[in-house]
Amino acid sequence: MSFTSLRLDSNPITSPKWTHRRLPHRSLLHPRNVVVCSVKSPPSSPSLSVAASDSLSRIESLSQVSGVLGCQWGDEGKGKLVDILAQHFDVVARCQGGANAGHTIYNSEGKKFALHLVPSGILNEDTLCVIGNGVVVHLPGLFKEIDGLESNGVSCEGRILVSDRAHLLFDFHQQVDGLREAELAKSFIGTTRRGIGPCYSSKVIRNGIRVSDLRHMDTFPQKLDILLSDAASRFQGFNYGPEMLRDEVEIYKRFAERLEPFIADTVHVMNESIVQKKKILVEGGQATMLDIDFGTYPFVTSSSPSAGGICTGLGIAPRVVGDLIGVVKAYTTRVGSGPFPTEILGQGGDLLRFAGQEFGTTTGRPRRCGWLDIVALKYCCQINGFSSLNLTKLDVLSDLPEIQLGVAYKQMDGTPIKSFPADLRVLEQLKVEYEVLPGWKTDISSIRNYTDLPKAARQYVERIEELVGVPIHYIGVGPGRDALIYK
C-alpha cells in the first residue's frame, strides 16, 4: 500500500492516499502512553550480517529438534518461517492448539494457502507432518484442509500423521464456545469460537474423546452421549436429543474410516525419529502472550504455546529440544479482548491495520494494532530461551516518518514496573515509556541483503536486538517465500 505522511504535533502518523483528513492528536497514541526522546543510532555490527550464500548453512546448523514459537498475541507470521525451514527438516509437528491457529503460506507459484490444523511443512513434498497429542482435532476442518490441498496438487497421503492420543473437537464444542461468550456478555474473552476452550475443558475433566476412541465404535456412542448431556445440562440454549446423538455417531463412523490411514502413535514416531537422527521442526500455534499460564489471563488460549508445550504436546524429552526461534512482528497486533499496553487507538490503528492487512486468518476479524512492546518481548524471551528471532512485516513500517518502541512500563505515579505484570488492573492503568526512532521512506520489499536496508531500518532492527538481548537472524519484508532477509 502506498502512503502519504501526515504529522500531528510531535506525533507521526501515515495515511493511505485515499485518506486526506487530519486525525485527532489522541488517535495516534493511547492516552496513558508517555513518549520519550529519540535514541542515538547504535553502532553497526558488520559481523551480524550474513551473506545470502551463508543462509543455507545457518538453517542447516539449527538443532536436530528446533521450534518456531510466537512472541506476541499470535498472527506473527510463524507459518512462513516454518514453510521455509521445513525444506531442511524431515518432520514438522504441531504440539498444541487446534483450528484456532491460522498460518498463511505461499507455494513457489505464489498461491496462498490458509492452514489451521495441517502443519505448514505440507508444501514440502519430502516433509512428514505430525499433529501431536496436545492438539485438539476438528475432523470436518481437517478433512476440508486436506481436500483443499489435494485439489491444488499437494499430496497428503502418507504425509500427515494424527496422534491417537489427540482429543477430538466436535461441532457442539464450537456451539458451546459461542454460548459461553454470550453468557459472559461485556466481559467476553473474544475467542475464535472454534471450540478450543470447551474441548480442552472436556479433556481436563476427563470425559473427552480421543482419536483412538474412533477405533472402538461400540463404546463411542456412550462416550459421546456423556459429552452432549453435560453440555445440555450446562447451557439452556443447547438442545440435545436422541436424534442428534444418532446423527453424530453416523457421521463419525464415516470419519473414523477416512481418518484411519492417518492415525499413529506419534509419541513413538517422534522418539524414533530422534533416535534415527531425523531433523524435527516444531510449529507453535498462537503465541506466548496467549499462554494459559504466562499470558494475559483470562484473555488467553487454553493450551501452552510456549516452550513447555513442545514436550507435553509431543511426548519428547526437554533435553532433546535445541534451538527455539521466536517470531515477532515489527509492530504489535492482537485479536479479541484483553490488555494491550502499546495499542494505537482510533484512525491511527486503522491505518496500520490496512497497511499490514491485519485481519485474522481464522476469523477474519480486524486485529488491534500498536507499537512494538519491548517489555512483553523480553518477557517472552525469558520464558522460552530463544536462540534467535524472526522479525516479520518490517516492510509495513516503510514510509512512516518516525517509529516508536515501547521500552518500559511505569505506574501512574511514575514508579518503574520491573517485569511484565500478571495483574490485569496494572496492565490497564500503566503508562508506557517510548523511544522514538527515525523512519525510512523507502520500499524495502525487494531487498534481500541486510546491508542494503536503509540505515534507519537497520537502526530499528539493531535497537530491538540491543534491548531484548537476542539476535534477529530472519527479517520478513513481504508475504512471499523469498521475501526474507538472513542477518
Protein backbone atom coordinates (compact mmCIF):
# COMPACT_ATOMS: atom_id res chain seq x y z
CA MET A 1 0.00 0.00 0.00
CA SER A 2 1.24 3.49 -0.84
CA PHE A 3 1.28 6.06 1.93
CA THR A 4 1.15 9.80 2.30
CA SER A 5 2.73 11.02 5.53
CA LEU A 6 0.86 13.23 7.96
CA ARG A 7 2.48 14.81 11.01
CA LEU A 8 0.40 15.74 14.03
CA ASP A 9 2.25 17.93 16.56
CA SER A 10 5.18 15.74 17.64
CA ASN A 11 3.40 12.52 16.77
CA PRO A 12 3.80 10.88 13.36
CA ILE A 13 1.08 9.06 11.52
CA THR A 14 0.64 7.85 7.98
CA SER A 15 -2.41 7.79 5.84
CA PRO A 16 -3.31 5.87 2.68
CA LYS A 17 -3.58 8.17 -0.32
CA TRP A 18 -7.34 7.68 -0.30
CA THR A 19 -7.48 9.30 3.17
CA HIS A 20 -6.74 13.03 3.32
CA ARG A 21 -8.23 14.13 6.63
CA ARG A 22 -6.25 15.14 9.67
CA LEU A 23 -6.51 12.76 12.57
CA PRO A 24 -7.10 13.91 16.15
CA HIS A 25 -3.94 14.07 18.25
CA ARG A 26 -5.11 11.26 20.55
CA SER A 27 -5.95 8.89 17.72
CA LEU A 28 -2.28 8.03 17.34
CA LEU A 29 -1.35 7.06 20.88
CA HIS A 30 -3.28 5.63 23.78
CA PRO A 31 -3.84 8.47 26.30
CA ARG A 32 -1.85 6.70 29.03
CA ASN A 33 1.32 6.45 26.93
CA VAL A 34 4.41 8.52 27.59
CA VAL A 35 6.72 9.32 24.67
CA VAL A 36 10.38 9.97 25.43
CA CYS A 37 13.17 11.42 23.34
CA SER A 38 14.69 9.86 20.25
CA VAL A 39 17.58 7.45 20.70
CA LYS A 40 21.01 7.65 19.18
CA SER A 41 21.81 5.28 16.38
CA PRO A 42 23.70 2.24 17.73
CA PRO A 43 26.98 1.38 16.02
CA SER A 44 26.65 -1.03 13.13
CA SER A 45 27.89 -4.57 13.64
CA PRO A 46 29.12 -5.95 10.31
CA SER A 47 29.72 -9.32 11.93
CA LEU A 48 25.98 -9.68 12.48
CA SER A 49 25.23 -9.63 8.77
CA VAL A 50 25.01 -12.90 6.92
CA ALA A 51 25.58 -13.06 3.19
CA ALA A 52 22.85 -14.69 1.14
CA SER A 53 25.22 -17.54 0.32
CA ASP A 54 25.53 -18.31 4.03
CA SER A 55 21.78 -18.53 4.69
CA LEU A 56 21.64 -22.24 3.90
CA SER A 57 24.42 -23.09 6.33
CA ARG A 58 22.66 -21.07 9.03
CA ILE A 59 19.46 -23.07 8.59
CA GLU A 60 21.27 -26.38 8.39
CA SER A 61 23.13 -25.57 11.62
CA LEU A 62 19.87 -25.50 13.59
CA SER A 63 19.49 -28.22 16.23
CA GLN A 64 18.07 -31.64 15.44
CA VAL A 65 14.89 -30.64 17.27
CA SER A 66 14.13 -26.95 16.76
CA GLY A 67 11.00 -24.92 17.28
CA VAL A 68 9.23 -21.82 15.96
CA LEU A 69 7.08 -20.02 18.53
CA GLY A 70 5.12 -16.78 18.61
CA CYS A 71 6.29 -13.89 20.79
CA GLN A 72 3.15 -11.76 20.93
CA TRP A 73 -0.60 -12.48 20.79
CA GLY A 74 -0.45 -14.62 17.65
CA ASP A 75 -0.57 -13.77 13.94
CA GLU A 76 3.17 -13.00 13.85
CA GLY A 77 3.85 -14.90 10.60
CA LYS A 78 5.13 -18.20 12.02
CA GLY A 79 3.78 -20.24 9.12
CA LYS A 80 6.02 -18.56 6.55
CA LEU A 81 9.21 -19.27 8.50
CA VAL A 82 8.14 -22.85 9.15
CA ASP A 83 7.41 -23.29 5.45
CA ILE A 84 10.91 -22.03 4.56
CA LEU A 85 12.73 -24.02 7.25
CA ALA A 86 10.71 -27.18 6.55
CA GLN A 87 12.67 -27.72 3.34
CA HIS A 88 15.61 -28.65 5.58
CA PHE A 89 13.72 -30.78 8.12
CA ASP A 90 12.36 -34.31 7.90
CA VAL A 91 9.42 -33.77 10.26
CA VAL A 92 7.25 -30.74 11.05
CA ALA A 93 4.99 -31.15 14.08
CA ARG A 94 2.14 -29.23 15.72
CA CYS A 95 2.15 -29.66 19.51
CA GLN A 96 -0.85 -27.70 20.82
CA GLY A 97 -3.92 -25.67 19.96
CA GLY A 98 -6.31 -26.52 17.17
CA ALA A 99 -8.10 -24.81 14.32
CA ASN A 100 -7.80 -21.51 16.19
CA ALA A 101 -4.30 -21.28 14.70
CA GLY A 102 -4.21 -19.62 11.31
CA HIS A 103 -0.99 -19.95 9.33
CA THR A 104 -0.83 -18.42 5.84
CA ILE A 105 1.80 -19.79 3.48
CA TYR A 106 2.57 -19.49 -0.25
CA ASN A 107 3.87 -22.07 -2.70
CA SER A 108 6.60 -21.43 -5.25
CA GLU A 109 4.00 -20.09 -7.72
CA GLY A 110 2.71 -17.60 -5.16
CA LYS A 111 -0.55 -19.42 -4.44
CA LYS A 112 -1.89 -18.72 -0.97
CA PHE A 113 -2.83 -21.48 1.49
CA ALA A 114 -4.51 -20.75 4.84
CA LEU A 115 -3.88 -23.65 7.22
CA HIS A 116 -5.42 -24.19 10.65
CA LEU A 117 -4.58 -27.78 11.61
CA VAL A 118 -2.22 -29.16 8.98
CA PRO A 119 1.42 -28.23 9.76
CA SER A 120 2.92 -25.60 7.47
CA GLY A 121 5.55 -28.03 6.19
CA ILE A 122 2.96 -29.72 3.99
CA LEU A 123 4.06 -27.82 0.85
CA ASN A 124 7.47 -29.53 1.02
CA GLU A 125 6.91 -32.96 -0.50
CA ASP A 126 9.62 -34.71 1.50
CA THR A 127 8.36 -33.49 4.88
CA LEU A 128 6.31 -35.63 7.27
CA CYS A 129 3.66 -33.57 9.08
CA VAL A 130 2.66 -34.64 12.59
CA ILE A 131 -0.38 -33.46 14.55
CA GLY A 132 0.66 -34.24 18.12
CA ASN A 133 -1.20 -35.42 21.19
CA GLY A 134 -1.50 -31.87 22.56
CA VAL A 135 -3.61 -30.72 19.59
CA VAL A 136 -7.42 -30.77 19.63
CA VAL A 137 -8.63 -32.01 16.25
CA HIS A 138 -11.82 -30.92 14.49
CA LEU A 139 -12.18 -33.61 11.84
CA PRO A 140 -14.51 -31.71 9.46
CA GLY A 141 -11.97 -28.88 9.42
CA LEU A 142 -9.02 -31.24 8.97
CA PHE A 143 -10.64 -33.03 6.04
CA LYS A 144 -11.57 -29.69 4.45
CA GLU A 145 -7.91 -28.61 4.60
CA ILE A 146 -6.72 -31.93 3.19
CA ASP A 147 -9.26 -31.73 0.35
CA GLY A 148 -8.21 -28.15 -0.42
CA LEU A 149 -4.54 -29.08 -0.52
CA GLU A 150 -5.05 -32.13 -2.71
CA SER A 151 -7.30 -30.22 -5.12
CA ASN A 152 -4.35 -27.87 -5.62
CA GLY A 153 -1.89 -30.67 -6.31
CA VAL A 154 -0.45 -31.08 -2.80
CA SER A 155 -0.27 -34.76 -1.89
CA CYS A 156 -1.26 -35.57 1.71
CA GLU A 157 -1.36 -39.37 1.53
CA GLY A 158 1.22 -40.85 3.87
CA ARG A 159 2.47 -37.37 4.79
CA ILE A 160 0.15 -36.45 7.67
CA LEU A 161 0.01 -38.36 10.95
CA VAL A 162 -2.56 -37.64 13.66
CA SER A 163 -1.82 -38.72 17.22
CA ASP A 164 -4.06 -41.44 18.61
CA ARG A 165 -3.84 -39.53 21.90
CA ALA A 166 -5.13 -36.24 20.46
CA HIS A 167 -8.60 -35.19 21.60
CA LEU A 168 -11.48 -34.75 19.18
CA LEU A 169 -13.16 -31.38 18.91
CA PHE A 170 -16.83 -31.71 17.93
CA ASP A 171 -19.18 -29.19 16.34
CA PHE A 172 -21.03 -28.91 19.64
CA HIS A 173 -17.82 -27.66 21.28
CA GLN A 174 -17.97 -24.72 18.87
CA GLN A 175 -21.62 -24.12 19.71
CA VAL A 176 -20.81 -24.19 23.42
CA ASP A 177 -17.96 -21.73 22.81
CA GLY A 178 -20.43 -19.23 21.37
CA LEU A 179 -22.92 -19.79 24.20
CA ARG A 180 -20.18 -19.25 26.75
CA GLU A 181 -19.11 -15.97 25.12
CA ALA A 182 -22.73 -14.78 25.08
CA GLU A 183 -23.05 -15.72 28.74
CA LEU A 184 -20.03 -13.59 29.64
CA ALA A 185 -21.66 -10.57 27.93
CA LYS A 186 -19.48 -7.48 28.34
CA SER A 187 -16.61 -9.45 29.90
CA PHE A 188 -16.34 -11.81 26.93
CA ILE A 189 -12.87 -13.10 26.08
CA GLY A 190 -13.13 -12.72 22.32
CA THR A 191 -12.30 -16.31 21.41
CA THR A 192 -12.19 -17.56 17.83
CA ARG A 193 -15.34 -19.60 18.67
CA ARG A 194 -13.65 -22.66 17.22
CA GLY A 195 -14.49 -24.69 20.35
CA ILE A 196 -10.93 -24.84 21.64
CA GLY A 197 -11.65 -23.93 25.27
CA PRO A 198 -14.66 -26.27 25.64
CA CYS A 199 -12.69 -29.15 24.08
CA TYR A 200 -9.74 -28.68 26.42
CA SER A 201 -12.27 -28.43 29.27
CA SER A 202 -13.64 -31.85 28.28
CA LYS A 203 -10.08 -33.16 28.28
CA VAL A 204 -9.22 -31.75 31.70
CA ILE A 205 -12.38 -33.05 33.43
CA ARG A 206 -11.59 -36.44 31.87
CA ASN A 207 -14.66 -37.07 29.73
CA GLY A 208 -13.05 -36.09 26.42
CA ILE A 209 -12.97 -38.38 23.40
CA ARG A 210 -9.62 -39.18 21.82
CA VAL A 211 -8.73 -40.15 18.26
CA SER A 212 -8.06 -43.71 19.45
CA ASP A 213 -11.73 -43.97 20.50
CA LEU A 214 -12.69 -43.92 16.82
CA ARG A 215 -11.35 -47.46 16.63
CA HIS A 216 -13.97 -48.62 19.13
CA MET A 217 -17.32 -47.57 17.74
CA ASP A 218 -19.09 -49.96 20.12
CA THR A 219 -18.34 -47.64 23.07
CA PHE A 220 -18.14 -44.38 21.10
CA PRO A 221 -21.91 -43.57 21.34
CA GLN A 222 -21.88 -43.88 25.12
CA LYS A 223 -18.90 -41.54 25.47
CA LEU A 224 -20.41 -39.00 23.09
CA ASP A 225 -23.72 -39.15 24.98
CA ILE A 226 -21.93 -38.19 28.19
CA LEU A 227 -20.32 -35.19 26.49
CA LEU A 228 -23.55 -33.98 24.87
CA SER A 229 -25.63 -34.50 28.02
CA ASP A 230 -23.11 -32.49 30.02
CA ALA A 231 -23.33 -29.60 27.55
CA ALA A 232 -27.14 -29.69 27.58
CA SER A 233 -27.24 -29.56 31.39
CA ARG A 234 -24.86 -26.61 31.43
CA PHE A 235 -26.35 -24.40 28.70
CA GLN A 236 -30.07 -23.76 28.25
CA GLY A 237 -29.52 -22.78 24.64
CA PHE A 238 -28.03 -26.17 23.78
CA ASN A 239 -30.71 -28.57 22.55
CA TYR A 240 -29.82 -32.24 22.70
CA GLY A 241 -31.86 -35.35 21.98
CA PRO A 242 -31.58 -38.94 20.70
CA GLU A 243 -31.66 -37.87 17.04
CA MET A 244 -28.64 -35.64 17.49
CA LEU A 245 -26.65 -38.46 19.06
CA ARG A 246 -27.66 -40.88 16.32
CA ASP A 247 -26.73 -38.44 13.56
CA GLU A 248 -23.35 -37.63 15.14
CA VAL A 249 -22.48 -41.30 15.57
CA GLU A 250 -23.21 -42.00 11.90
CA ILE A 251 -21.08 -39.05 10.82
CA TYR A 252 -18.16 -40.17 12.97
CA LYS A 253 -18.36 -43.73 11.70
CA ARG A 254 -17.55 -42.34 8.27
CA PHE A 255 -14.91 -40.02 9.70
CA ALA A 256 -13.28 -42.94 11.52
CA GLU A 257 -12.95 -44.88 8.30
CA ARG A 258 -11.42 -41.95 6.45
CA LEU A 259 -9.06 -40.98 9.28
CA GLU A 260 -7.71 -44.49 9.91
CA PRO A 261 -4.73 -44.22 7.48
CA PHE A 262 -3.62 -41.03 9.26
CA ILE A 263 -3.79 -42.33 12.85
CA ALA A 264 -0.48 -43.15 14.53
CA ASP A 265 1.26 -43.40 17.88
CA THR A 266 3.03 -40.10 17.27
CA VAL A 267 4.90 -40.27 20.59
CA HIS A 268 6.63 -43.37 19.23
CA VAL A 269 7.08 -41.76 15.80
CA MET A 270 8.68 -38.64 17.27
CA ASN A 271 11.07 -40.51 19.55
CA GLU A 272 12.04 -42.98 16.82
CA SER A 273 12.74 -40.03 14.53
CA ILE A 274 15.05 -38.59 17.19
CA VAL A 275 16.89 -41.92 17.53
CA GLN A 276 17.23 -42.08 13.74
CA LYS A 277 18.80 -38.58 13.74
CA LYS A 278 15.98 -37.09 11.68
CA LYS A 279 15.58 -33.33 11.91
CA ILE A 280 12.37 -32.17 13.57
CA LEU A 281 10.80 -28.72 13.45
CA VAL A 282 8.05 -27.90 15.94
CA GLU A 283 5.44 -25.37 14.81
CA GLY A 284 3.79 -23.50 17.65
CA GLY A 285 0.25 -22.20 17.35
CA GLN A 286 -0.90 -18.90 18.87
CA ALA A 287 1.85 -17.30 20.99
CA THR A 288 3.37 -16.88 24.43
CA MET A 289 1.22 -13.89 25.41
CA LEU A 290 -1.80 -16.19 24.95
CA ASP A 291 -0.31 -18.99 27.07
CA ILE A 292 -2.75 -20.38 29.66
CA ASP A 293 -0.14 -19.84 32.41
CA PHE A 294 2.02 -16.95 31.19
CA GLY A 295 -0.38 -14.93 29.05
CA THR A 296 -2.77 -12.10 29.93
CA TYR A 297 -5.15 -14.42 31.79
CA PRO A 298 -8.11 -14.88 31.37
CA PHE A 299 -7.74 -13.38 27.89
CA VAL A 300 -5.67 -16.34 26.72
CA THR A 301 -5.96 -19.61 24.84
CA SER A 302 -6.47 -22.96 26.58
CA SER A 303 -3.09 -24.56 25.85
CA SER A 304 0.62 -23.82 26.29
CA PRO A 305 2.03 -22.13 23.15
CA SER A 306 5.34 -21.52 24.91
CA ALA A 307 8.39 -23.79 25.04
CA GLY A 308 6.93 -26.08 27.71
CA GLY A 309 4.09 -27.10 25.39
CA ILE A 310 6.55 -28.74 22.99
CA CYS A 311 7.36 -31.59 25.36
CA THR A 312 3.87 -32.14 26.75
CA GLY A 313 2.26 -31.84 23.32
CA LEU A 314 4.57 -34.27 21.51
CA GLY A 315 5.85 -36.62 24.21
CA ILE A 316 9.53 -35.79 23.77
CA ALA A 317 12.11 -35.07 26.46
CA PRO A 318 13.17 -31.48 27.28
CA ARG A 319 16.84 -32.37 26.80
CA VAL A 320 16.37 -33.07 23.07
CA VAL A 321 14.89 -29.64 22.30
CA GLY A 322 17.55 -27.29 20.95
CA ASP A 323 17.18 -24.03 19.04
CA LEU A 324 13.96 -22.09 19.53
CA ILE A 325 13.18 -19.23 17.17
CA GLY A 326 10.78 -16.54 18.35
CA VAL A 327 8.65 -14.85 15.70
CA VAL A 328 7.73 -11.23 16.35
CA LYS A 329 6.08 -8.59 14.19
CA ALA A 330 7.83 -5.27 13.73
CA TYR A 331 4.76 -3.84 15.46
CA THR A 332 2.16 -5.49 17.69
CA THR A 333 -1.31 -6.85 16.98
CA ARG A 334 -3.98 -8.59 18.99
CA VAL A 335 -7.36 -10.17 18.15
CA GLY A 336 -10.16 -10.16 20.70
CA SER A 337 -10.35 -8.68 24.17
CA GLY A 338 -7.63 -8.21 26.74
CA PRO A 339 -4.94 -5.72 27.75
CA PHE A 340 -2.75 -4.23 25.04
CA PRO A 341 -0.38 -1.61 26.53
CA THR A 342 1.03 -0.22 23.26
CA GLU A 343 -2.23 -0.20 21.31
CA ILE A 344 -2.79 2.70 18.91
CA LEU A 345 -6.41 3.80 19.22
CA GLY A 346 -8.67 5.37 16.62
CA GLN A 347 -7.77 6.00 13.00
CA GLY A 348 -4.05 5.66 13.63
CA GLY A 349 -4.60 1.99 14.45
CA ASP A 350 -6.91 1.64 11.45
CA LEU A 351 -4.21 2.87 9.09
CA LEU A 352 -1.65 0.39 10.39
CA ARG A 353 -4.27 -2.35 10.18
CA PHE A 354 -4.94 -1.71 6.50
CA ALA A 355 -1.26 -1.28 5.67
CA GLY A 356 -0.44 -4.68 7.17
CA GLN A 357 -3.73 -6.31 6.11
CA GLU A 358 -4.30 -7.19 9.75
CA PHE A 359 -7.38 -9.36 9.59
CA GLY A 360 -7.46 -12.77 11.27
CA THR A 361 -6.68 -15.84 9.13
CA THR A 362 -9.04 -17.89 11.29
CA THR A 363 -11.88 -15.44 11.96
CA GLY A 364 -11.39 -12.56 9.51
CA ARG A 365 -11.78 -10.17 12.44
CA PRO A 366 -9.80 -6.91 12.34
CA ARG A 367 -6.75 -7.05 14.57
CA ARG A 368 -5.98 -4.34 17.11
CA CYS A 369 -2.67 -2.67 16.24
CA GLY A 370 0.06 -0.88 18.14
CA TRP A 371 3.77 -0.23 18.52
CA LEU A 372 6.25 -2.98 19.30
CA ASP A 373 6.19 -3.77 23.02
CA ILE A 374 9.75 -4.47 24.18
CA VAL A 375 8.67 -5.26 27.75
CA ALA A 376 6.38 -8.05 26.55
CA LEU A 377 9.01 -9.27 24.08
CA LYS A 378 11.71 -9.51 26.76
CA TYR A 379 9.25 -11.43 28.94
CA CYS A 380 8.63 -13.92 26.11
CA CYS A 381 12.35 -14.33 25.53
CA GLN A 382 12.87 -15.09 29.23
CA ILE A 383 10.17 -17.77 29.28
CA ASN A 384 11.23 -19.50 26.08
CA GLY A 385 15.01 -19.03 25.95
CA PHE A 386 15.05 -18.11 22.26
CA SER A 387 18.33 -18.56 20.43
CA SER A 388 17.22 -16.11 17.72
CA LEU A 389 14.29 -14.05 16.49
CA ASN A 390 12.42 -13.64 13.22
CA LEU A 391 11.24 -10.03 12.82
CA THR A 392 8.31 -10.01 10.38
CA LYS A 393 6.48 -7.35 8.39
CA LEU A 394 9.25 -4.77 8.62
CA ASP A 395 8.09 -3.54 5.21
CA VAL A 396 4.74 -2.42 6.66
CA LEU A 397 6.51 0.34 8.61
CA SER A 398 8.04 1.84 5.45
CA ASP A 399 7.12 5.50 4.82
CA LEU A 400 6.49 6.29 8.49
CA PRO A 401 8.46 9.43 9.42
CA GLU A 402 9.04 8.09 12.94
CA ILE A 403 8.62 4.73 14.66
CA GLN A 404 8.09 4.17 18.35
CA LEU A 405 9.25 1.35 20.64
CA GLY A 406 7.54 0.73 23.97
CA VAL A 407 10.61 0.20 26.16
CA ALA A 408 9.34 0.42 29.76
CA TYR A 409 6.24 0.34 31.94
CA LYS A 410 5.53 2.74 34.80
CA GLN A 411 2.84 3.06 37.44
CA MET A 412 0.60 6.11 37.20
CA ASP A 413 2.79 7.80 39.83
CA GLY A 414 5.91 7.19 37.73
CA THR A 415 7.22 4.20 39.69
CA PRO A 416 9.00 1.78 37.30
CA ILE A 417 7.45 -1.66 36.78
CA LYS A 418 10.33 -4.11 36.63
CA SER A 419 8.60 -7.08 34.96
CA PHE A 420 5.55 -7.92 32.87
CA PRO A 421 2.60 -7.70 35.31
CA ALA A 422 0.21 -10.58 36.00
CA ASP A 423 -2.43 -8.19 37.37
CA LEU A 424 -4.79 -7.03 34.61
CA ARG A 425 -5.63 -3.88 36.55
CA VAL A 426 -1.98 -2.88 36.49
CA LEU A 427 -1.77 -3.60 32.76
CA GLU A 428 -4.83 -1.48 32.05
CA GLN A 429 -3.63 1.51 34.08
CA LEU A 430 0.12 1.61 33.45
CA LYS A 431 1.98 4.16 31.36
CA VAL A 432 4.28 3.10 28.54
CA GLU A 433 7.61 4.81 28.04
CA TYR A 434 8.59 5.08 24.37
CA GLU A 435 11.73 5.61 22.38
CA VAL A 436 11.27 7.35 19.04
CA LEU A 437 13.42 6.26 16.12
CA PRO A 438 13.63 7.73 12.62
CA GLY A 439 11.61 6.04 9.89
CA TRP A 440 12.62 5.23 6.34
CA LYS A 441 10.75 6.44 3.28
CA THR A 442 11.82 3.60 1.04
CA ASP A 443 10.11 0.47 -0.25
CA ILE A 444 12.16 -2.40 1.19
CA SER A 445 10.08 -5.31 -0.11
CA SER A 446 12.59 -6.22 -2.84
CA ILE A 447 15.68 -6.08 -0.60
CA ARG A 448 17.30 -9.43 0.23
CA ASN A 449 20.61 -8.41 1.87
CA TYR A 450 20.67 -6.83 5.30
CA THR A 451 23.32 -4.27 4.40
CA ASP A 452 21.05 -2.98 1.60
CA LEU A 453 18.34 -1.93 4.04
CA PRO A 454 18.05 1.81 4.73
CA LYS A 455 20.15 2.96 7.67
CA ALA A 456 17.04 3.76 9.73
CA ALA A 457 15.63 0.26 9.18
CA ARG A 458 18.91 -1.29 10.32
CA GLN A 459 18.93 1.02 13.33
CA TYR A 460 15.43 -0.20 14.25
CA VAL A 461 16.43 -3.86 13.97
CA GLU A 462 19.64 -3.41 15.96
CA ARG A 463 17.92 -1.40 18.68
CA ILE A 464 15.46 -4.25 19.21
CA GLU A 465 18.37 -6.70 19.47
CA GLU A 466 20.09 -4.44 21.97
CA LEU A 467 17.00 -4.08 24.15
CA VAL A 468 16.00 -7.77 24.30
CA GLY A 469 19.46 -9.36 24.14
CA VAL A 470 18.54 -11.89 21.43
CA PRO A 471 19.87 -11.73 17.84
CA ILE A 472 17.48 -11.25 14.94
CA HIS A 473 18.51 -13.76 12.27
CA TYR A 474 15.50 -13.51 9.94
CA ILE A 475 13.71 -10.38 8.71
CA GLY A 476 10.46 -10.53 6.75
CA VAL A 477 9.92 -7.84 4.13
CA GLY A 478 6.86 -9.22 2.35
CA PRO A 479 4.43 -12.17 2.25
CA GLY A 480 6.21 -14.30 -0.37
CA ARG A 481 8.54 -17.20 0.41
CA ASP A 482 11.53 -15.29 -0.94
CA ALA A 483 10.75 -12.05 0.90
CA LEU A 484 13.16 -12.85 3.72
CA ILE A 485 16.48 -11.34 4.74
CA TYR A 486 19.01 -13.52 6.55
CA LYS A 487 21.03 -11.48 9.02
